[in-house]
Amino acid sequence: MIRSEKTRQLIIEKTASIFNKKGYTGTYLSDLTNATGLTKGSIYGNFKDKNEVAVEAFKYNYKFQSEQILQKINQQNNTIDKLSVFLNHYRTAFRPIFNNGGCAILNTAVDADDGNDLLKEEVIKTIHNWHQRIVTILKEGIKQNELKDIDVETFSYRMIALVEGSIMLAKTLDKSEILLNNIDFLEAEINQIKKR
């Protein structure tokens, strides 16, 4: 990795949790310079503007979570176990997620919804990606006769909505049981669509 790539990566890694905690508008250049120990010129010598840093920080936060999940999914042989990987990830990793400011997808979606089209595009791509992963697993399960024939699009969005909404409520109200109870609910839903 050449020096400028290393510097870019350092900036992304050091600012990712700041953007996740404070949001795009709440993160100031002074936050970036304090976190990285770099000057304004060094930061903008590696990024076009704050938007570009924010997008790369969001991608970094998402990649950090999704790589852990994908690695575990690829180790599973059946559909139920693959779906359980998603749930178990949030069941066991919610504390570090909360300590990092919450779910990067949810935080960035709310932050970018009415003002930052560049970030909003990234969040939309990420949600579509997550949704498509679940849909693919569900379709595979139906094809392999492991799952009942269900509306995979609706089930996938329901899973995402319950996880994201539960993270928001649990973190805001400081009640992790909200997330954990809804994960249990989703697990029961998955068992309901399992072919006996």
N, C-alpha and C. Protein backbone atom coordinates (compact mmCIF):
# COMPACT_ATOMS: atom_id res chain seq x y z
N MET A 1 0.85 -1.17 0.00
CA MET A 1 0.00 0.00 0.00
C MET A 1 0.90 1.24 0.00
N ILE A 2 0.66 2.13 -0.95
CA ILE A 2 1.48 3.34 -1.00
C ILE A 2 1.04 4.31 0.09
N ARG A 3 1.88 5.30 0.33
CA ARG A 3 1.68 6.20 1.47
C ARG A 3 0.31 6.86 1.45
N SER A 4 -0.14 7.38 0.31
CA SER A 4 -1.43 8.07 0.27
C SER A 4 -2.59 7.10 0.55
N GLU A 5 -2.44 5.85 0.10
CA GLU A 5 -3.48 4.85 0.39
C GLU A 5 -3.51 4.55 1.88
N LYS A 6 -2.34 4.47 2.50
CA LYS A 6 -2.27 4.24 3.95
C LYS A 6 -2.90 5.40 4.71
N THR A 7 -2.63 6.61 4.25
CA THR A 7 -3.19 7.79 4.91
C THR A 7 -4.71 7.81 4.77
N ARG A 8 -5.19 7.52 3.56
CA ARG A 8 -6.65 7.45 3.35
C ARG A 8 -7.27 6.43 4.29
N GLN A 9 -6.65 5.25 4.36
CA GLN A 9 -7.18 4.19 5.21
C GLN A 9 -7.18 4.60 6.68
N LEU A 10 -6.11 5.26 7.11
CA LEU A 10 -6.03 5.75 8.49
C LEU A 10 -7.17 6.73 8.77
N ILE A 11 -7.40 7.64 7.85
CA ILE A 11 -8.47 8.63 8.03
C ILE A 11 -9.82 7.93 8.13
N ILE A 12 -10.06 6.97 7.25
CA ILE A 12 -11.33 6.23 7.26
C ILE A 12 -11.51 5.50 8.59
N GLU A 13 -10.49 4.76 8.99
CA GLU A 13 -10.59 3.96 10.22
C GLU A 13 -10.77 4.83 11.46
N LYS A 14 -10.07 5.95 11.51
CA LYS A 14 -10.13 6.80 12.70
C LYS A 14 -11.41 7.63 12.77
N THR A 15 -12.05 7.86 11.63
CA THR A 15 -13.24 8.71 11.64
C THR A 15 -14.55 7.93 11.51
N ALA A 16 -14.49 6.64 11.20
CA ALA A 16 -15.71 5.85 10.96
C ALA A 16 -16.66 5.89 12.15
N SER A 17 -16.14 5.66 13.35
CA SER A 17 -17.04 5.65 14.52
C SER A 17 -17.54 7.06 14.85
N ILE A 18 -16.76 8.07 14.52
CA ILE A 18 -17.20 9.45 14.77
C ILE A 18 -18.40 9.78 13.90
N PHE A 19 -18.32 9.47 12.60
CA PHE A 19 -19.46 9.70 11.71
C PHE A 19 -20.66 8.88 12.18
N ASN A 20 -20.43 7.65 12.63
CA ASN A 20 -21.53 6.80 13.06
C ASN A 20 -22.20 7.35 14.32
N LYS A 21 -21.41 7.92 15.21
CA LYS A 21 -21.97 8.46 16.46
C LYS A 21 -22.57 9.85 16.29
N LYS A 22 -21.88 10.72 15.55
CA LYS A 22 -22.31 12.12 15.46
C LYS A 22 -23.12 12.43 14.21
N GLY A 23 -23.07 11.54 13.23
CA GLY A 23 -23.76 11.82 11.97
C GLY A 23 -22.94 12.72 11.07
N TYR A 24 -23.41 12.88 9.85
CA TYR A 24 -22.68 13.69 8.88
C TYR A 24 -22.65 15.15 9.31
N THR A 25 -23.82 15.70 9.61
CA THR A 25 -23.86 17.13 9.94
C THR A 25 -23.24 17.43 11.30
N GLY A 26 -23.26 16.46 12.21
CA GLY A 26 -22.70 16.67 13.54
C GLY A 26 -21.20 16.45 13.62
N THR A 27 -20.61 15.95 12.54
CA THR A 27 -19.17 15.72 12.51
C THR A 27 -18.49 16.91 11.84
N TYR A 28 -17.58 17.52 12.57
CA TYR A 28 -16.89 18.71 12.07
C TYR A 28 -15.46 18.36 11.65
N LEU A 29 -14.89 19.22 10.88
CA LEU A 29 -13.51 19.02 10.43
C LEU A 29 -12.58 18.87 11.64
N SER A 30 -12.85 19.62 12.69
CA SER A 30 -12.02 19.52 13.90
C SER A 30 -12.10 18.11 14.51
N ASP A 31 -13.26 17.45 14.39
CA ASP A 31 -13.38 16.06 14.85
C ASP A 31 -12.44 15.16 14.06
N LEU A 32 -12.38 15.40 12.75
CA LEU A 32 -11.54 14.59 11.87
C LEU A 32 -10.06 14.83 12.15
N THR A 33 -9.69 16.08 12.31
CA THR A 33 -8.28 16.37 12.57
C THR A 33 -7.86 15.87 13.96
N ASN A 34 -8.74 16.01 14.95
CA ASN A 34 -8.43 15.50 16.30
C ASN A 34 -8.29 13.98 16.31
N ALA A 35 -9.17 13.30 15.61
CA ALA A 35 -9.15 11.83 15.60
C ALA A 35 -7.93 11.27 14.87
N THR A 36 -7.54 11.95 13.81
CA THR A 36 -6.46 11.42 12.98
C THR A 36 -5.09 11.99 13.33
N GLY A 37 -5.08 13.16 13.97
CA GLY A 37 -3.81 13.83 14.23
C GLY A 37 -3.26 14.49 12.98
N LEU A 38 -4.08 14.59 11.96
CA LEU A 38 -3.66 15.19 10.68
C LEU A 38 -4.22 16.59 10.55
N THR A 39 -3.65 17.34 9.64
CA THR A 39 -4.14 18.69 9.36
C THR A 39 -5.29 18.63 8.37
N LYS A 40 -5.99 19.75 8.28
CA LYS A 40 -7.07 19.89 7.30
C LYS A 40 -6.54 19.60 5.89
N GLY A 41 -5.37 20.12 5.59
CA GLY A 41 -4.75 19.91 4.28
C GLY A 41 -4.46 18.45 4.00
N SER A 42 -4.03 17.73 5.02
CA SER A 42 -3.76 16.29 4.84
C SER A 42 -5.04 15.52 4.56
N ILE A 43 -6.10 15.89 5.26
CA ILE A 43 -7.37 15.20 5.04
C ILE A 43 -7.89 15.50 3.65
N TYR A 44 -7.95 16.79 3.30
CA TYR A 44 -8.49 17.15 1.98
C TYR A 44 -7.50 16.90 0.85
N GLY A 45 -6.27 16.58 1.19
CA GLY A 45 -5.32 16.13 0.17
C GLY A 45 -5.58 14.69 -0.23
N ASN A 46 -6.32 13.98 0.60
CA ASN A 46 -6.64 12.57 0.34
C ASN A 46 -8.10 12.33 -0.01
N PHE A 47 -8.95 13.30 0.26
CA PHE A 47 -10.37 13.21 -0.05
C PHE A 47 -10.83 14.51 -0.66
N LYS A 48 -11.79 14.40 -1.57
CA LYS A 48 -12.31 15.58 -2.26
C LYS A 48 -12.98 16.53 -1.27
N ASP A 49 -13.78 15.97 -0.35
CA ASP A 49 -14.51 16.78 0.61
C ASP A 49 -15.01 15.90 1.76
N LYS A 50 -15.75 16.49 2.66
CA LYS A 50 -16.26 15.75 3.82
C LYS A 50 -17.22 14.65 3.38
N ASN A 51 -17.97 14.89 2.31
CA ASN A 51 -18.88 13.87 1.77
C ASN A 51 -18.13 12.58 1.46
N GLU A 52 -17.00 12.72 0.79
CA GLU A 52 -16.24 11.54 0.40
C GLU A 52 -15.72 10.79 1.63
N VAL A 53 -15.28 11.52 2.64
CA VAL A 53 -14.82 10.87 3.88
C VAL A 53 -15.99 10.14 4.52
N ALA A 54 -17.16 10.79 4.57
CA ALA A 54 -18.34 10.20 5.20
C ALA A 54 -18.78 8.93 4.48
N VAL A 55 -18.79 8.95 3.16
CA VAL A 55 -19.18 7.77 2.38
C VAL A 55 -18.21 6.63 2.64
N GLU A 56 -16.92 6.92 2.62
CA GLU A 56 -15.92 5.87 2.85
C GLU A 56 -15.99 5.34 4.29
N ALA A 57 -16.28 6.22 5.23
CA ALA A 57 -16.44 5.79 6.63
C ALA A 57 -17.65 4.88 6.77
N PHE A 58 -18.75 5.23 6.09
CA PHE A 58 -19.95 4.38 6.12
C PHE A 58 -19.64 3.01 5.52
N LYS A 59 -18.97 3.00 4.37
CA LYS A 59 -18.61 1.72 3.73
C LYS A 59 -17.74 0.87 4.67
N TYR A 60 -16.83 1.52 5.35
CA TYR A 60 -15.94 0.82 6.29
C TYR A 60 -16.76 0.21 7.43
N ASN A 61 -17.66 0.99 8.02
CA ASN A 61 -18.50 0.49 9.11
C ASN A 61 -19.34 -0.69 8.66
N TYR A 62 -19.94 -0.57 7.48
CA TYR A 62 -20.78 -1.65 6.96
C TYR A 62 -19.95 -2.90 6.67
N LYS A 63 -18.81 -2.70 6.03
CA LYS A 63 -17.96 -3.83 5.67
C LYS A 63 -17.49 -4.58 6.92
N PHE A 64 -17.18 -3.84 7.96
CA PHE A 64 -16.74 -4.45 9.22
C PHE A 64 -17.79 -5.43 9.75
N GLN A 65 -19.05 -5.02 9.74
CA GLN A 65 -20.13 -5.88 10.22
C GLN A 65 -20.43 -7.00 9.23
N SER A 66 -20.58 -6.66 7.96
CA SER A 66 -21.04 -7.65 6.98
C SER A 66 -20.02 -8.75 6.73
N GLU A 67 -18.74 -8.44 6.79
CA GLU A 67 -17.72 -9.48 6.57
C GLU A 67 -17.78 -10.55 7.65
N GLN A 68 -18.02 -10.13 8.89
CA GLN A 68 -18.15 -11.10 9.98
C GLN A 68 -19.34 -12.03 9.73
N ILE A 69 -20.44 -11.45 9.30
CA ILE A 69 -21.66 -12.23 9.05
C ILE A 69 -21.46 -13.17 7.86
N LEU A 70 -20.94 -12.65 6.76
CA LEU A 70 -20.76 -13.46 5.55
C LEU A 70 -19.82 -14.64 5.78
N GLN A 71 -18.79 -14.40 6.52
CA GLN A 71 -17.83 -15.47 6.83
C GLN A 71 -18.55 -16.63 7.54
N LYS A 72 -19.40 -16.30 8.49
CA LYS A 72 -20.14 -17.33 9.24
C LYS A 72 -21.21 -18.00 8.37
N ILE A 73 -21.87 -17.23 7.51
CA ILE A 73 -22.88 -17.80 6.61
C ILE A 73 -22.25 -18.84 5.71
N ASN A 74 -21.09 -18.52 5.17
CA ASN A 74 -20.42 -19.44 4.24
C ASN A 74 -19.98 -20.74 4.90
N GLN A 75 -19.96 -20.78 6.21
CA GLN A 75 -19.60 -22.00 6.93
C GLN A 75 -20.81 -22.91 7.17
N GLN A 76 -22.01 -22.41 6.86
CA GLN A 76 -23.23 -23.17 7.14
C GLN A 76 -23.68 -23.94 5.90
N ASN A 77 -24.36 -25.06 6.16
CA ASN A 77 -24.82 -25.91 5.06
C ASN A 77 -26.31 -25.82 4.78
N ASN A 78 -27.11 -25.43 5.78
CA ASN A 78 -28.55 -25.38 5.51
C ASN A 78 -29.10 -23.98 5.73
N THR A 79 -30.27 -23.77 5.20
CA THR A 79 -30.89 -22.45 5.17
C THR A 79 -31.16 -21.89 6.56
N ILE A 80 -31.72 -22.72 7.43
CA ILE A 80 -32.06 -22.25 8.78
C ILE A 80 -30.80 -21.76 9.50
N ASP A 81 -29.72 -22.51 9.38
CA ASP A 81 -28.46 -22.10 10.02
C ASP A 81 -27.92 -20.81 9.42
N LYS A 82 -28.08 -20.65 8.11
CA LYS A 82 -27.62 -19.42 7.46
C LYS A 82 -28.41 -18.22 7.96
N LEU A 83 -29.73 -18.36 8.06
CA LEU A 83 -30.56 -17.27 8.57
C LEU A 83 -30.25 -16.99 10.04
N SER A 84 -29.97 -18.04 10.78
CA SER A 84 -29.65 -17.88 12.20
C SER A 84 -28.36 -17.11 12.41
N VAL A 85 -27.45 -17.17 11.44
CA VAL A 85 -26.20 -16.41 11.54
C VAL A 85 -26.51 -14.92 11.68
N PHE A 86 -27.44 -14.41 10.87
CA PHE A 86 -27.82 -13.00 10.96
C PHE A 86 -28.29 -12.68 12.38
N LEU A 87 -29.21 -13.50 12.87
CA LEU A 87 -29.79 -13.24 14.19
C LEU A 87 -28.76 -13.37 15.30
N ASN A 88 -27.97 -14.42 15.24
CA ASN A 88 -26.97 -14.64 16.28
C ASN A 88 -25.90 -13.55 16.30
N HIS A 89 -25.61 -13.00 15.13
CA HIS A 89 -24.65 -11.89 15.09
C HIS A 89 -25.15 -10.74 15.95
N TYR A 90 -26.41 -10.36 15.76
CA TYR A 90 -26.94 -9.23 16.52
C TYR A 90 -27.19 -9.61 17.98
N ARG A 91 -27.46 -10.87 18.22
CA ARG A 91 -27.66 -11.34 19.60
C ARG A 91 -26.35 -11.23 20.39
N THR A 92 -25.24 -11.54 19.75
CA THR A 92 -23.96 -11.57 20.46
C THR A 92 -23.13 -10.29 20.28
N ALA A 93 -23.35 -9.55 19.21
CA ALA A 93 -22.50 -8.39 18.93
C ALA A 93 -23.18 -7.05 19.19
N PHE A 94 -24.35 -7.08 19.83
CA PHE A 94 -25.07 -5.81 19.98
C PHE A 94 -24.32 -4.81 20.86
N ARG A 95 -23.60 -5.26 21.87
CA ARG A 95 -22.89 -4.31 22.74
C ARG A 95 -21.82 -3.52 21.97
N PRO A 96 -20.93 -4.20 21.21
CA PRO A 96 -19.97 -3.42 20.42
C PRO A 96 -20.66 -2.51 19.39
N ILE A 97 -21.77 -2.98 18.82
CA ILE A 97 -22.51 -2.14 17.87
C ILE A 97 -23.01 -0.89 18.59
N PHE A 98 -23.60 -1.07 19.77
CA PHE A 98 -24.10 0.07 20.54
C PHE A 98 -22.97 1.01 20.93
N ASN A 99 -21.84 0.44 21.36
CA ASN A 99 -20.70 1.26 21.77
C ASN A 99 -20.12 2.06 20.61
N ASN A 100 -20.31 1.57 19.39
CA ASN A 100 -19.83 2.26 18.20
C ASN A 100 -20.87 3.26 17.68
N GLY A 101 -21.92 3.49 18.44
CA GLY A 101 -22.92 4.48 18.04
C GLY A 101 -24.20 3.88 17.50
N GLY A 102 -24.26 2.56 17.38
CA GLY A 102 -25.45 1.92 16.82
C GLY A 102 -25.18 1.39 15.43
N CYS A 103 -26.23 0.99 14.77
CA CYS A 103 -26.10 0.41 13.43
C CYS A 103 -25.78 1.50 12.41
N ALA A 104 -24.72 1.32 11.68
CA ALA A 104 -24.30 2.31 10.68
C ALA A 104 -25.35 2.51 9.60
N ILE A 105 -26.04 1.44 9.22
CA ILE A 105 -27.07 1.56 8.19
C ILE A 105 -28.19 2.46 8.69
N LEU A 106 -28.70 2.17 9.86
CA LEU A 106 -29.80 2.95 10.43
C LEU A 106 -29.39 4.40 10.66
N ASN A 107 -28.26 4.59 11.30
CA ASN A 107 -27.80 5.95 11.60
C ASN A 107 -27.61 6.77 10.33
N THR A 108 -26.98 6.19 9.35
CA THR A 108 -26.70 6.92 8.11
C THR A 108 -27.97 7.14 7.31
N ALA A 109 -28.88 6.18 7.33
CA ALA A 109 -30.16 6.33 6.62
C ALA A 109 -30.93 7.52 7.17
N VAL A 110 -31.02 7.62 8.48
CA VAL A 110 -31.74 8.72 9.11
C VAL A 110 -31.01 10.04 8.84
N ASP A 111 -29.71 10.02 8.96
CA ASP A 111 -28.90 11.22 8.76
C ASP A 111 -28.98 11.74 7.33
N ALA A 112 -29.01 10.84 6.37
CA ALA A 112 -28.91 11.23 4.96
C ALA A 112 -30.26 11.33 4.26
N ASP A 113 -31.32 10.92 4.91
CA ASP A 113 -32.63 10.80 4.27
C ASP A 113 -33.08 12.07 3.56
N ASP A 114 -32.93 13.21 4.19
CA ASP A 114 -33.45 14.44 3.60
C ASP A 114 -32.38 15.46 3.27
N GLY A 115 -31.16 15.01 3.02
CA GLY A 115 -30.19 16.06 2.77
C GLY A 115 -28.92 15.67 2.06
N ASN A 116 -28.50 14.44 2.19
CA ASN A 116 -27.22 14.08 1.60
C ASN A 116 -27.43 12.93 0.61
N ASP A 117 -27.62 13.29 -0.64
CA ASP A 117 -27.95 12.29 -1.66
C ASP A 117 -26.85 11.25 -1.85
N LEU A 118 -25.60 11.65 -1.72
CA LEU A 118 -24.49 10.73 -1.89
C LEU A 118 -24.52 9.64 -0.82
N LEU A 119 -24.69 10.03 0.43
CA LEU A 119 -24.78 9.05 1.51
C LEU A 119 -26.05 8.21 1.37
N LYS A 120 -27.14 8.85 1.00
CA LYS A 120 -28.41 8.13 0.85
C LYS A 120 -28.28 7.03 -0.20
N GLU A 121 -27.62 7.33 -1.32
CA GLU A 121 -27.39 6.32 -2.37
C GLU A 121 -26.62 5.12 -1.82
N GLU A 122 -25.60 5.38 -1.01
CA GLU A 122 -24.81 4.29 -0.42
C GLU A 122 -25.65 3.44 0.53
N VAL A 123 -26.49 4.10 1.32
CA VAL A 123 -27.35 3.36 2.25
C VAL A 123 -28.35 2.52 1.47
N ILE A 124 -28.93 3.07 0.43
CA ILE A 124 -29.89 2.32 -0.38
C ILE A 124 -29.22 1.09 -0.99
N LYS A 125 -28.02 1.26 -1.53
CA LYS A 125 -27.28 0.11 -2.09
C LYS A 125 -27.05 -0.95 -1.03
N THR A 126 -26.69 -0.50 0.16
CA THR A 126 -26.40 -1.42 1.25
C THR A 126 -27.65 -2.19 1.69
N ILE A 127 -28.76 -1.49 1.81
CA ILE A 127 -30.01 -2.15 2.19
C ILE A 127 -30.42 -3.15 1.11
N HIS A 128 -30.33 -2.76 -0.15
CA HIS A 128 -30.65 -3.69 -1.24
C HIS A 128 -29.74 -4.92 -1.19
N ASN A 129 -28.48 -4.70 -0.90
CA ASN A 129 -27.52 -5.79 -0.81
C ASN A 129 -27.91 -6.76 0.31
N TRP A 130 -28.20 -6.22 1.48
CA TRP A 130 -28.60 -7.03 2.63
C TRP A 130 -29.89 -7.80 2.32
N HIS A 131 -30.86 -7.07 1.77
CA HIS A 131 -32.14 -7.68 1.39
C HIS A 131 -31.92 -8.83 0.40
N GLN A 132 -31.10 -8.59 -0.60
CA GLN A 132 -30.86 -9.59 -1.63
C GLN A 132 -30.16 -10.83 -1.07
N ARG A 133 -29.27 -10.64 -0.11
CA ARG A 133 -28.62 -11.79 0.53
C ARG A 133 -29.64 -12.68 1.22
N ILE A 134 -30.55 -12.06 1.95
CA ILE A 134 -31.58 -12.84 2.64
C ILE A 134 -32.51 -13.51 1.64
N VAL A 135 -32.92 -12.78 0.61
CA VAL A 135 -33.79 -13.35 -0.43
C VAL A 135 -33.13 -14.56 -1.07
N THR A 136 -31.86 -14.45 -1.39
CA THR A 136 -31.12 -15.57 -2.00
C THR A 136 -31.11 -16.79 -1.09
N ILE A 137 -30.87 -16.57 0.19
CA ILE A 137 -30.87 -17.68 1.15
C ILE A 137 -32.26 -18.31 1.22
N LEU A 138 -33.30 -17.49 1.29
CA LEU A 138 -34.67 -18.00 1.35
C LEU A 138 -35.04 -18.79 0.10
N LYS A 139 -34.71 -18.25 -1.07
CA LYS A 139 -35.00 -18.95 -2.33
C LYS A 139 -34.28 -20.29 -2.39
N GLU A 140 -33.04 -20.28 -1.94
CA GLU A 140 -32.25 -21.52 -1.90
C GLU A 140 -32.93 -22.54 -0.99
N GLY A 141 -33.43 -22.08 0.15
CA GLY A 141 -34.11 -22.97 1.09
C GLY A 141 -35.39 -23.55 0.53
N ILE A 142 -36.14 -22.75 -0.21
CA ILE A 142 -37.37 -23.23 -0.85
C ILE A 142 -37.01 -24.25 -1.92
N LYS A 143 -36.02 -23.93 -2.73
CA LYS A 143 -35.59 -24.82 -3.81
C LYS A 143 -35.09 -26.16 -3.26
N GLN A 144 -34.40 -26.13 -2.12
CA GLN A 144 -33.86 -27.35 -1.53
C GLN A 144 -34.88 -28.06 -0.63
N ASN A 145 -36.11 -27.55 -0.65
CA ASN A 145 -37.21 -28.15 0.10
C ASN A 145 -36.98 -28.09 1.62
N GLU A 146 -36.25 -27.08 2.07
CA GLU A 146 -36.03 -26.86 3.50
C GLU A 146 -37.06 -25.90 4.09
N LEU A 147 -37.59 -25.02 3.22
CA LEU A 147 -38.55 -24.01 3.66
C LEU A 147 -39.85 -24.12 2.88
N LYS A 148 -40.93 -23.66 3.52
CA LYS A 148 -42.22 -23.56 2.85
C LYS A 148 -42.12 -22.48 1.78
N ASP A 149 -43.04 -22.52 0.83
CA ASP A 149 -43.08 -21.51 -0.22
C ASP A 149 -43.66 -20.23 0.37
N ILE A 150 -42.84 -19.23 0.53
CA ILE A 150 -43.26 -17.96 1.14
C ILE A 150 -42.92 -16.80 0.21
N ASP A 151 -43.43 -15.63 0.55
CA ASP A 151 -43.07 -14.41 -0.16
C ASP A 151 -41.70 -13.97 0.38
N VAL A 152 -40.66 -14.31 -0.34
CA VAL A 152 -39.29 -14.08 0.15
C VAL A 152 -38.96 -12.59 0.26
N GLU A 153 -39.52 -11.78 -0.63
CA GLU A 153 -39.27 -10.34 -0.59
C GLU A 153 -39.80 -9.75 0.72
N THR A 154 -41.04 -10.07 1.04
CA THR A 154 -41.67 -9.55 2.25
C THR A 154 -40.96 -10.05 3.50
N PHE A 155 -40.66 -11.34 3.53
CA PHE A 155 -40.00 -11.92 4.70
C PHE A 155 -38.64 -11.27 4.94
N SER A 156 -37.90 -11.04 3.87
CA SER A 156 -36.59 -10.42 3.98
C SER A 156 -36.69 -9.00 4.54
N TYR A 157 -37.60 -8.20 3.98
CA TYR A 157 -37.76 -6.84 4.49
C TYR A 157 -38.25 -6.83 5.94
N ARG A 158 -39.10 -7.79 6.29
CA ARG A 158 -39.58 -7.88 7.67
C ARG A 158 -38.41 -8.16 8.62
N MET A 159 -37.55 -9.07 8.21
CA MET A 159 -36.37 -9.38 9.04
C MET A 159 -35.52 -8.14 9.27
N ILE A 160 -35.23 -7.44 8.18
CA ILE A 160 -34.40 -6.24 8.27
C ILE A 160 -35.07 -5.18 9.14
N ALA A 161 -36.36 -4.97 8.91
CA ALA A 161 -37.08 -3.94 9.67
C ALA A 161 -37.10 -4.26 11.16
N LEU A 162 -37.32 -5.52 11.50
CA LEU A 162 -37.35 -5.89 12.92
C LEU A 162 -35.97 -5.72 13.57
N VAL A 163 -34.94 -6.11 12.87
CA VAL A 163 -33.59 -5.96 13.43
C VAL A 163 -33.25 -4.48 13.59
N GLU A 164 -33.44 -3.70 12.52
CA GLU A 164 -33.08 -2.28 12.57
C GLU A 164 -33.92 -1.52 13.58
N GLY A 165 -35.22 -1.74 13.56
CA GLY A 165 -36.10 -1.06 14.52
C GLY A 165 -35.78 -1.44 15.95
N SER A 166 -35.46 -2.70 16.16
CA SER A 166 -35.13 -3.17 17.50
C SER A 166 -33.82 -2.59 18.00
N ILE A 167 -32.85 -2.46 17.10
CA ILE A 167 -31.58 -1.83 17.48
C ILE A 167 -31.83 -0.38 17.90
N MET A 168 -32.63 0.32 17.11
CA MET A 168 -32.93 1.72 17.42
C MET A 168 -33.61 1.85 18.79
N LEU A 169 -34.64 1.05 19.02
CA LEU A 169 -35.36 1.13 20.30
C LEU A 169 -34.47 0.70 21.47
N ALA A 170 -33.77 -0.40 21.30
CA ALA A 170 -32.93 -0.92 22.39
C ALA A 170 -31.84 0.07 22.77
N LYS A 171 -31.21 0.67 21.77
CA LYS A 171 -30.14 1.62 22.06
C LYS A 171 -30.69 2.91 22.65
N THR A 172 -31.75 3.44 22.07
CA THR A 172 -32.33 4.69 22.54
C THR A 172 -32.87 4.57 23.97
N LEU A 173 -33.57 3.47 24.24
CA LEU A 173 -34.19 3.28 25.55
C LEU A 173 -33.27 2.57 26.54
N ASP A 174 -32.08 2.19 26.07
CA ASP A 174 -31.12 1.44 26.88
C ASP A 174 -31.75 0.17 27.45
N LYS A 175 -32.43 -0.56 26.55
CA LYS A 175 -33.09 -1.81 26.93
C LYS A 175 -32.74 -2.87 25.90
N SER A 176 -31.64 -3.56 26.11
CA SER A 176 -31.19 -4.57 25.14
C SER A 176 -32.20 -5.69 24.97
N GLU A 177 -33.06 -5.90 25.98
CA GLU A 177 -34.05 -6.98 25.87
C GLU A 177 -35.01 -6.75 24.71
N ILE A 178 -35.21 -5.51 24.29
CA ILE A 178 -36.07 -5.25 23.12
C ILE A 178 -35.49 -5.94 21.90
N LEU A 179 -34.20 -5.74 21.67
CA LEU A 179 -33.53 -6.39 20.54
C LEU A 179 -33.54 -7.90 20.72
N LEU A 180 -33.16 -8.37 21.88
CA LEU A 180 -33.05 -9.81 22.11
C LEU A 180 -34.41 -10.50 21.98
N ASN A 181 -35.48 -9.88 22.48
CA ASN A 181 -36.81 -10.47 22.36
C ASN A 181 -37.26 -10.54 20.90
N ASN A 182 -36.96 -9.50 20.13
CA ASN A 182 -37.36 -9.51 18.72
C ASN A 182 -36.51 -10.48 17.90
N ILE A 183 -35.28 -10.70 18.30
CA ILE A 183 -34.47 -11.73 17.65
C ILE A 183 -35.08 -13.10 17.93
N ASP A 184 -35.52 -13.32 19.17
CA ASP A 184 -36.21 -14.58 19.50
C ASP A 184 -37.48 -14.73 18.67
N PHE A 185 -38.21 -13.63 18.49
CA PHE A 185 -39.43 -13.65 17.68
C PHE A 185 -39.10 -14.03 16.24
N LEU A 186 -38.07 -13.42 15.68
CA LEU A 186 -37.66 -13.75 14.31
C LEU A 186 -37.23 -15.20 14.19
N GLU A 187 -36.55 -15.69 15.19
CA GLU A 187 -36.12 -17.09 15.18
C GLU A 187 -37.35 -18.01 15.14
N ALA A 188 -38.37 -17.67 15.91
CA ALA A 188 -39.62 -18.44 15.90
C ALA A 188 -40.29 -18.36 14.53
N GLU A 189 -40.26 -17.18 13.92
CA GLU A 189 -40.83 -17.01 12.57
C GLU A 189 -40.10 -17.89 11.56
N ILE A 190 -38.79 -17.93 11.66
CA ILE A 190 -38.00 -18.76 10.76
C ILE A 190 -38.35 -20.23 10.96
N ASN A 191 -38.52 -20.64 12.20
CA ASN A 191 -38.90 -22.03 12.46
C ASN A 191 -40.30 -22.35 11.94
N GLN A 192 -41.17 -21.34 11.86
CA GLN A 192 -42.52 -21.54 11.32
C GLN A 192 -42.50 -21.80 9.82
N ILE A 193 -41.52 -21.26 9.12
CA ILE A 193 -41.46 -21.47 7.66
C ILE A 193 -40.62 -22.69 7.28
N LYS A 194 -40.06 -23.31 8.29
CA LYS A 194 -39.26 -24.52 8.06
C LYS A 194 -40.18 -25.67 7.71
N LYS A 195 -39.83 -26.44 6.68
CA LYS A 195 -40.60 -27.63 6.33
C LYS A 195 -40.32 -28.71 7.35
N ARG A 196 -41.36 -29.36 7.80
CA ARG A 196 -41.21 -30.42 8.82
C ARG A 196 -40.95 -31.76 8.17
